Amino acid sequence: MHEIALCQSLLEQAMRAREANPFDRVVRVTVSVGCASRVQPDALRHAFDLLSRDTFLEGADLRIDRPPGEAFRLVEMEVS
């Protein structure tokens, strides 16, 4: 289940962003998951919910865009 690895990468990116510019919490995370990427949106959402527990990402709204193609990338992270 590579969705967990993808979410771990998102969490690491968020931690680096927080170190560079401190913030309290993340309100929204938008990712782009290509339709041909084999990433399952429901599994990605579940992994995000599990890995974000007890972190500054807990409760953040995960938005998943589904363009054609295979790419997976962080599009935007809204913080407060």
PDB file of N, CA and C in Angstrom:
ATOM      1  N   MET A   1       0.856  -1.177   0.000  1.00  0.00           N
ATOM      2  CA  MET A   1       0.000   0.000   0.000  1.00  0.00           C
ATOM      3  C   MET A   1       0.903   1.242   0.000  1.00  0.00           C
ATOM      4  N   HIS A   2       1.178   1.771  -1.185  1.00  0.00           N
ATOM      5  CA  HIS A   2       2.071   2.915  -1.266  1.00  0.00           C
ATOM      6  C   HIS A   2       1.408   4.226  -0.857  1.00  0.00           C
ATOM      7  N   GLU A   3       0.112   4.212  -0.596  1.00  0.00           N
ATOM      8  CA  GLU A   3      -0.568   5.410  -0.116  1.00  0.00           C
ATOM      9  C   GLU A   3      -0.002   5.856   1.235  1.00  0.00           C
ATOM     10  N   ILE A   4       0.390   4.900   2.077  1.00  0.00           N
ATOM     11  CA  ILE A   4       0.987   5.243   3.367  1.00  0.00           C
ATOM     12  C   ILE A   4       2.321   5.954   3.152  1.00  0.00           C
ATOM     13  N   ALA A   5       3.142   5.440   2.242  1.00  0.00           N
ATOM     14  CA  ALA A   5       4.427   6.083   1.947  1.00  0.00           C
ATOM     15  C   ALA A   5       4.215   7.488   1.395  1.00  0.00           C
ATOM     16  N   LEU A   6       3.213   7.668   0.564  1.00  0.00           N
ATOM     17  CA  LEU A   6       2.925   9.000   0.024  1.00  0.00           C
ATOM     18  C   LEU A   6       2.516   9.962   1.140  1.00  0.00           C
ATOM     19  N   CYS A   7       1.715   9.485   2.062  1.00  0.00           N
ATOM     20  CA  CYS A   7       1.286  10.333   3.181  1.00  0.00           C
ATOM     21  C   CYS A   7       2.450  10.628   4.122  1.00  0.00           C
ATOM     22  N   GLN A   8       3.337   9.671   4.301  1.00  0.00           N
ATOM     23  CA  GLN A   8       4.526   9.932   5.113  1.00  0.00           C
ATOM     24  C   GLN A   8       5.361  11.040   4.471  1.00  0.00           C
ATOM     25  N   SER A   9       5.460  11.009   3.162  1.00  0.00           N
ATOM     26  CA  SER A   9       6.184  12.049   2.443  1.00  0.00           C
ATOM     27  C   SER A   9       5.500  13.410   2.612  1.00  0.00           C
ATOM     28  N   LEU A  10       4.168  13.433   2.556  1.00  0.00           N
ATOM     29  CA  LEU A  10       3.434  14.680   2.781  1.00  0.00           C
ATOM     30  C   LEU A  10       3.708  15.229   4.179  1.00  0.00           C
ATOM     31  N   LEU A  11       3.696  14.358   5.167  1.00  0.00           N
ATOM     32  CA  LEU A  11       3.949  14.775   6.541  1.00  0.00           C
ATOM     33  C   LEU A  11       5.370  15.338   6.674  1.00  0.00           C
ATOM     34  N   GLU A  12       6.332  14.680   6.045  1.00  0.00           N
ATOM     35  CA  GLU A  12       7.714  15.177   6.090  1.00  0.00           C
ATOM     36  C   GLU A  12       7.831  16.545   5.427  1.00  0.00           C
ATOM     37  N   GLN A  13       7.150  16.739   4.307  1.00  0.00           N
ATOM     38  CA  GLN A  13       7.164  18.037   3.633  1.00  0.00           C
ATOM     39  C   GLN A  13       6.549  19.109   4.528  1.00  0.00           C
ATOM     40  N   ALA A  14       5.457  18.764   5.187  1.00  0.00           N
ATOM     41  CA  ALA A  14       4.793  19.710   6.082  1.00  0.00           C
ATOM     42  C   ALA A  14       5.684  20.056   7.266  1.00  0.00           C
ATOM     43  N   MET A  15       6.416  19.071   7.797  1.00  0.00           N
ATOM     44  CA  MET A  15       7.311  19.328   8.927  1.00  0.00           C
ATOM     45  C   MET A  15       8.453  20.257   8.508  1.00  0.00           C
ATOM     46  N   ARG A  16       8.987  20.054   7.300  1.00  0.00           N
ATOM     47  CA  ARG A  16      10.049  20.941   6.804  1.00  0.00           C
ATOM     48  C   ARG A  16       9.509  22.360   6.606  1.00  0.00           C
ATOM     49  N   ALA A  17       8.300  22.462   6.079  1.00  0.00           N
ATOM     50  CA  ALA A  17       7.689  23.786   5.886  1.00  0.00           C
ATOM     51  C   ALA A  17       7.472  24.472   7.223  1.00  0.00           C
ATOM     52  N   ARG A  18       7.085  23.699   8.226  1.00  0.00           N
ATOM     53  CA  ARG A  18       6.840  24.258   9.561  1.00  0.00           C
ATOM     54  C   ARG A  18       8.134  24.719  10.222  1.00  0.00           C
ATOM     55  N   GLU A  19       9.220  24.001   9.992  1.00  0.00           N
ATOM     56  CA  GLU A  19      10.515  24.411  10.527  1.00  0.00           C
ATOM     57  C   GLU A  19      10.983  25.721   9.890  1.00  0.00           C
ATOM     58  N   ALA A  20      10.730  25.871   8.591  1.00  0.00           N
ATOM     59  CA  ALA A  20      11.164  27.067   7.868  1.00  0.00           C
ATOM     60  C   ALA A  20      10.315  28.288   8.223  1.00  0.00           C
ATOM     61  N   ASN A  21       9.014  28.085   8.375  1.00  0.00           N
ATOM     62  CA  ASN A  21       8.063  29.157   8.681  1.00  0.00           C
ATOM     63  C   ASN A  21       7.043  28.624   9.677  1.00  0.00           C
ATOM     64  N   PRO A  22       7.292  28.791  10.977  1.00  0.00           N
ATOM     65  CA  PRO A  22       6.420  28.203  11.996  1.00  0.00           C
ATOM     66  C   PRO A  22       4.941  28.574  11.837  1.00  0.00           C
ATOM     67  N   PHE A  23       4.088  27.597  12.066  1.00  0.00           N
ATOM     68  CA  PHE A  23       2.641  27.776  12.066  1.00  0.00           C
ATOM     69  C   PHE A  23       2.056  26.772  13.041  1.00  0.00           C
ATOM     70  N   ASP A  24       0.807  27.034  13.457  1.00  0.00           N
ATOM     71  CA  ASP A  24       0.168  26.168  14.454  1.00  0.00           C
ATOM     72  C   ASP A  24      -0.361  24.867  13.868  1.00  0.00           C
ATOM     73  N   ARG A  25      -1.102  24.998  12.784  1.00  0.00           N
ATOM     74  CA  ARG A  25      -1.712  23.790  12.223  1.00  0.00           C
ATOM     75  C   ARG A  25      -1.977  23.968  10.742  1.00  0.00           C
ATOM     76  N   VAL A  26      -2.247  22.865  10.091  1.00  0.00           N
ATOM     77  CA  VAL A  26      -2.593  22.866   8.679  1.00  0.00           C
ATOM     78  C   VAL A  26      -4.113  22.779   8.580  1.00  0.00           C
ATOM     79  N   VAL A  27      -4.685  23.665   7.799  1.00  0.00           N
ATOM     80  CA  VAL A  27      -6.132  23.695   7.618  1.00  0.00           C
ATOM     81  C   VAL A  27      -6.548  22.815   6.439  1.00  0.00           C
ATOM     82  N   ARG A  28      -5.771  22.886   5.352  1.00  0.00           N
ATOM     83  CA  ARG A  28      -6.132  22.159   4.135  1.00  0.00           C
ATOM     84  C   ARG A  28      -4.868  21.710   3.420  1.00  0.00           C
ATOM     85  N   VAL A  29      -4.933  20.502   2.871  1.00  0.00           N
ATOM     86  CA  VAL A  29      -3.867  19.970   2.023  1.00  0.00           C
ATOM     87  C   VAL A  29      -4.520  19.575   0.703  1.00  0.00           C
ATOM     88  N   THR A  30      -3.969  20.091  -0.389  1.00  0.00           N
ATOM     89  CA  THR A  30      -4.468  19.731  -1.706  1.00  0.00           C
ATOM     90  C   THR A  30      -3.370  18.979  -2.438  1.00  0.00           C
ATOM     91  N   VAL A  31      -3.705  17.796  -2.913  1.00  0.00           N
ATOM     92  CA  VAL A  31      -2.754  16.987  -3.669  1.00  0.00           C
ATOM     93  C   VAL A  31      -3.337  16.690  -5.039  1.00  0.00           C
ATOM     94  N   SER A  32      -2.455  16.482  -5.977  1.00  0.00           N
ATOM     95  CA  SER A  32      -2.842  16.095  -7.321  1.00  0.00           C
ATOM     96  C   SER A  32      -2.443  14.640  -7.506  1.00  0.00           C
ATOM     97  N   VAL A  33      -3.419  13.796  -7.795  1.00  0.00           N
ATOM     98  CA  VAL A  33      -3.189  12.360  -7.953  1.00  0.00           C
ATOM     99  C   VAL A  33      -3.702  11.965  -9.328  1.00  0.00           C
ATOM    100  N   GLY A  34      -2.780  11.757 -10.249  1.00  0.00           N
ATOM    101  CA  GLY A  34      -3.169  11.403 -11.609  1.00  0.00           C
ATOM    102  C   GLY A  34      -4.020  10.141 -11.652  1.00  0.00           C
ATOM    103  N   CYS A  35      -4.992  10.140 -12.548  1.00  0.00           N
ATOM    104  CA  CYS A  35      -5.901   8.990 -12.664  1.00  0.00           C
ATOM    105  C   CYS A  35      -5.169   7.695 -12.988  1.00  0.00           C
ATOM    106  N   ALA A  36      -4.034   7.785 -13.682  1.00  0.00           N
ATOM    107  CA  ALA A  36      -3.270   6.587 -14.044  1.00  0.00           C
ATOM    108  C   ALA A  36      -2.180   6.261 -13.023  1.00  0.00           C
ATOM    109  N   SER A  37      -2.184   6.921 -11.876  1.00  0.00           N
ATOM    110  CA  SER A  37      -1.114   6.748 -10.890  1.00  0.00           C
ATOM    111  C   SER A  37      -1.246   5.481 -10.053  1.00  0.00           C
ATOM    112  N   ARG A  38      -2.375   4.842 -10.100  1.00  0.00           N
ATOM    113  CA  ARG A  38      -2.676   3.655  -9.285  1.00  0.00           C
ATOM    114  C   ARG A  38      -2.838   3.975  -7.803  1.00  0.00           C
ATOM    115  N   VAL A  39      -2.873   5.251  -7.463  1.00  0.00           N
ATOM    116  CA  VAL A  39      -3.135   5.655  -6.083  1.00  0.00           C
ATOM    117  C   VAL A  39      -4.646   5.635  -5.885  1.00  0.00           C
ATOM    118  N   GLN A  40      -5.089   4.958  -4.844  1.00  0.00           N
ATOM    119  CA  GLN A  40      -6.511   4.876  -4.540  1.00  0.00           C
ATOM    120  C   GLN A  40      -6.888   6.038  -3.611  1.00  0.00           C
ATOM    121  N   PRO A  41      -7.728   6.961  -4.061  1.00  0.00           N
ATOM    122  CA  PRO A  41      -8.081   8.117  -3.230  1.00  0.00           C
ATOM    123  C   PRO A  41      -8.608   7.746  -1.844  1.00  0.00           C
ATOM    124  N   ASP A  42      -9.444   6.719  -1.752  1.00  0.00           N
ATOM    125  CA  ASP A  42      -9.976   6.326  -0.440  1.00  0.00           C
ATOM    126  C   ASP A  42      -8.869   5.816   0.477  1.00  0.00           C
ATOM    127  N   ALA A  43      -7.940   5.042  -0.077  1.00  0.00           N
ATOM    128  CA  ALA A  43      -6.815   4.538   0.717  1.00  0.00           C
ATOM    129  C   ALA A  43      -5.893   5.691   1.113  1.00  0.00           C
ATOM    130  N   LEU A  44      -5.715   6.659   0.224  1.00  0.00           N
ATOM    131  CA  LEU A  44      -4.896   7.824   0.524  1.00  0.00           C
ATOM    132  C   LEU A  44      -5.522   8.635   1.659  1.00  0.00           C
ATOM    133  N   ARG A  45      -6.820   8.825   1.587  1.00  0.00           N
ATOM    134  CA  ARG A  45      -7.531   9.568   2.633  1.00  0.00           C
ATOM    135  C   ARG A  45      -7.422   8.835   3.978  1.00  0.00           C
ATOM    136  N   HIS A  46      -7.581   7.528   3.958  1.00  0.00           N
ATOM    137  CA  HIS A  46      -7.480   6.723   5.178  1.00  0.00           C
ATOM    138  C   HIS A  46      -6.064   6.820   5.770  1.00  0.00           C
ATOM    139  N   ALA A  47      -5.058   6.694   4.921  1.00  0.00           N
ATOM    140  CA  ALA A  47      -3.675   6.798   5.389  1.00  0.00           C
ATOM    141  C   ALA A  47      -3.405   8.183   5.967  1.00  0.00           C
ATOM    142  N   PHE A  48      -3.932   9.216   5.321  1.00  0.00           N
ATOM    143  CA  PHE A  48      -3.755  10.583   5.809  1.00  0.00           C
ATOM    144  C   PHE A  48      -4.385  10.737   7.191  1.00  0.00           C
ATOM    145  N   ASP A  49      -5.592  10.216   7.350  1.00  0.00           N
ATOM    146  CA  ASP A  49      -6.273  10.300   8.657  1.00  0.00           C
ATOM    147  C   ASP A  49      -5.471   9.583   9.741  1.00  0.00           C
ATOM    148  N   LEU A  50      -4.932   8.411   9.426  1.00  0.00           N
ATOM    149  CA  LEU A  50      -4.156   7.648  10.412  1.00  0.00           C
ATOM    150  C   LEU A  50      -2.846   8.347  10.773  1.00  0.00           C
ATOM    151  N   LEU A  51      -2.114   8.786   9.767  1.00  0.00           N
ATOM    152  CA  LEU A  51      -0.785   9.354  10.008  1.00  0.00           C
ATOM    153  C   LEU A  51      -0.827  10.775  10.558  1.00  0.00           C
ATOM    154  N   SER A  52      -1.934  11.461  10.373  1.00  0.00           N
ATOM    155  CA  SER A  52      -2.017  12.842  10.860  1.00  0.00           C
ATOM    156  C   SER A  52      -2.499  12.929  12.312  1.00  0.00           C
ATOM    157  N   ARG A  53      -2.955  11.815  12.860  1.00  0.00           N
ATOM    158  CA  ARG A  53      -3.427  11.825  14.254  1.00  0.00           C
ATOM    159  C   ARG A  53      -2.342  12.342  15.192  1.00  0.00           C
ATOM    160  N   ASP A  54      -2.769  13.191  16.118  1.00  0.00           N
ATOM    161  CA  ASP A  54      -1.876  13.747  17.137  1.00  0.00           C
ATOM    162  C   ASP A  54      -0.731  14.575  16.540  1.00  0.00           C
ATOM    163  N   THR A  55      -0.935  15.118  15.349  1.00  0.00           N
ATOM    164  CA  THR A  55       0.048  16.012  14.739  1.00  0.00           C
ATOM    165  C   THR A  55      -0.658  17.322  14.391  1.00  0.00           C
ATOM    166  N   PHE A  56       0.104  18.286  13.919  1.00  0.00           N
ATOM    167  CA  PHE A  56      -0.458  19.565  13.500  1.00  0.00           C
ATOM    168  C   PHE A  56      -1.275  19.440  12.213  1.00  0.00           C
ATOM    169  N   LEU A  57      -1.269  18.260  11.593  1.00  0.00           N
ATOM    170  CA  LEU A  57      -2.086  17.988  10.406  1.00  0.00           C
ATOM    171  C   LEU A  57      -3.450  17.387  10.753  1.00  0.00           C
ATOM    172  N   GLU A  58      -3.632  16.974  12.001  1.00  0.00           N
ATOM    173  CA  GLU A  58      -4.890  16.331  12.382  1.00  0.00           C
ATOM    174  C   GLU A  58      -6.060  17.284  12.125  1.00  0.00           C
ATOM    175  N   GLY A  59      -7.076  16.774  11.473  1.00  0.00           N
ATOM    176  CA  GLY A  59      -8.268  17.562  11.183  1.00  0.00           C
ATOM    177  C   GLY A  59      -8.181  18.391   9.914  1.00  0.00           C
ATOM    178  N   ALA A  60      -7.028  18.366   9.255  1.00  0.00           N
ATOM    179  CA  ALA A  60      -6.890  19.115   8.005  1.00  0.00           C
ATOM    180  C   ALA A  60      -7.778  18.501   6.932  1.00  0.00           C
ATOM    181  N   ASP A  61      -8.315  19.362   6.088  1.00  0.00           N
ATOM    182  CA  ASP A  61      -9.139  18.930   4.968  1.00  0.00           C
ATOM    183  C   ASP A  61      -8.215  18.464   3.850  1.00  0.00           C
ATOM    184  N   LEU A  62      -8.298  17.181   3.475  1.00  0.00           N
ATOM    185  CA  LEU A  62      -7.490  16.643   2.382  1.00  0.00           C
ATOM    186  C   LEU A  62      -8.309  16.721   1.108  1.00  0.00           C
ATOM    187  N   ARG A  63      -7.827  17.502   0.157  1.00  0.00           N
ATOM    188  CA  ARG A  63      -8.492  17.625  -1.144  1.00  0.00           C
ATOM    189  C   ARG A  63      -7.638  16.907  -2.176  1.00  0.00           C
ATOM    190  N   ILE A  64      -8.290  16.059  -2.952  1.00  0.00           N
ATOM    191  CA  ILE A  64      -7.582  15.245  -3.931  1.00  0.00           C
ATOM    192  C   ILE A  64      -8.081  15.595  -5.324  1.00  0.00           C
ATOM    193  N   ASP A  65      -7.211  16.223  -6.128  1.00  0.00           N
ATOM    194  CA  ASP A  65      -7.517  16.497  -7.525  1.00  0.00           C
ATOM    195  C   ASP A  65      -7.146  15.264  -8.335  1.00  0.00           C
ATOM    196  N   ARG A  66      -7.924  14.963  -9.385  1.00  0.00           N
ATOM    197  CA  ARG A  66      -7.695  13.755 -10.190  1.00  0.00           C
ATOM    198  C   ARG A  66      -7.498  14.095 -11.667  1.00  0.00           C
ATOM    199  N   PRO A  67      -6.379  14.714 -12.036  1.00  0.00           N
ATOM    200  CA  PRO A  67      -6.141  14.983 -13.451  1.00  0.00           C
ATOM    201  C   PRO A  67      -5.715  13.709 -14.183  1.00  0.00           C
ATOM    202  N   PRO A  68      -5.752  13.731 -15.515  1.00  0.00           N
ATOM    203  CA  PRO A  68      -5.234  12.566 -16.251  1.00  0.00           C
ATOM    204  C   PRO A  68      -3.722  12.463 -16.020  1.00  0.00           C
ATOM    205  N   GLY A  69      -3.181  11.294 -16.197  1.00  0.00           N
ATOM    206  CA  GLY A  69      -1.739  11.111 -16.044  1.00  0.00           C
ATOM    207  C   GLY A  69      -1.393  10.315 -14.808  1.00  0.00           C
ATOM    208  N   GLU A  70      -0.075  10.263 -14.519  1.00  0.00           N
ATOM    209  CA  GLU A  70       0.416   9.408 -13.448  1.00  0.00           C
ATOM    210  C   GLU A  70       1.000  10.153 -12.259  1.00  0.00           C
ATOM    211  N   ALA A  71       1.090  11.449 -12.323  1.00  0.00           N
ATOM    212  CA  ALA A  71       1.794  12.205 -11.288  1.00  0.00           C
ATOM    213  C   ALA A  71       1.053  12.231  -9.952  1.00  0.00           C
ATOM    214  N   PHE A  72       1.864  12.353  -8.891  1.00  0.00           N
ATOM    215  CA  PHE A  72       1.365  12.613  -7.543  1.00  0.00           C
ATOM    216  C   PHE A  72       2.184  13.770  -7.022  1.00  0.00           C
ATOM    217  N   ARG A  73       1.513  14.857  -6.606  1.00  0.00           N
ATOM    218  CA  ARG A  73       2.270  15.983  -6.076  1.00  0.00           C
ATOM    219  C   ARG A  73       1.426  16.784  -5.105  1.00  0.00           C
ATOM    220  N   LEU A  74       2.131  17.433  -4.193  1.00  0.00           N
ATOM    221  CA  LEU A  74       1.498  18.368  -3.268  1.00  0.00           C
ATOM    222  C   LEU A  74       1.234  19.644  -4.035  1.00  0.00           C
ATOM    223  N   VAL A  75      -0.003  20.097  -4.046  1.00  0.00           N
ATOM    224  CA  VAL A  75      -0.371  21.302  -4.782  1.00  0.00           C
ATOM    225  C   VAL A  75      -0.357  22.504  -3.855  1.00  0.00           C
ATOM    226  N   GLU A  76      -0.969  22.352  -2.678  1.00  0.00           N
ATOM    227  CA  GLU A  76      -1.094  23.491  -1.779  1.00  0.00           C
ATOM    228  C   GLU A  76      -1.282  22.999  -0.345  1.00  0.00           C
ATOM    229  N   MET A  77      -0.775  23.790   0.593  1.00  0.00           N
ATOM    230  CA  MET A  77      -0.989  23.512   2.004  1.00  0.00           C
ATOM    231  C   MET A  77      -1.372  24.825   2.656  1.00  0.00           C
ATOM    232  N   GLU A  78      -2.590  24.900   3.170  1.00  0.00           N
ATOM    233  CA  GLU A  78      -3.063  26.111   3.851  1.00  0.00           C
ATOM    234  C   GLU A  78      -2.853  25.932   5.338  1.00  0.00           C
ATOM    235  N   VAL A  79      -2.190  26.898   5.967  1.00  0.00           N
ATOM    236  CA  VAL A  79      -1.865  26.799   7.381  1.00  0.00           C
ATOM    237  C   VAL A  79      -2.484  27.948   8.154  1.00  0.00           C
ATOM    238  N   SER A  80      -2.497  27.807   9.467  1.00  0.00           N
ATOM    239  CA  SER A  80      -2.965  28.900  10.321  1.00  0.00           C
ATOM    240  C   SER A  80      -2.021  29.057  11.496  1.00  0.00           C
TER     241      SER A  80
END
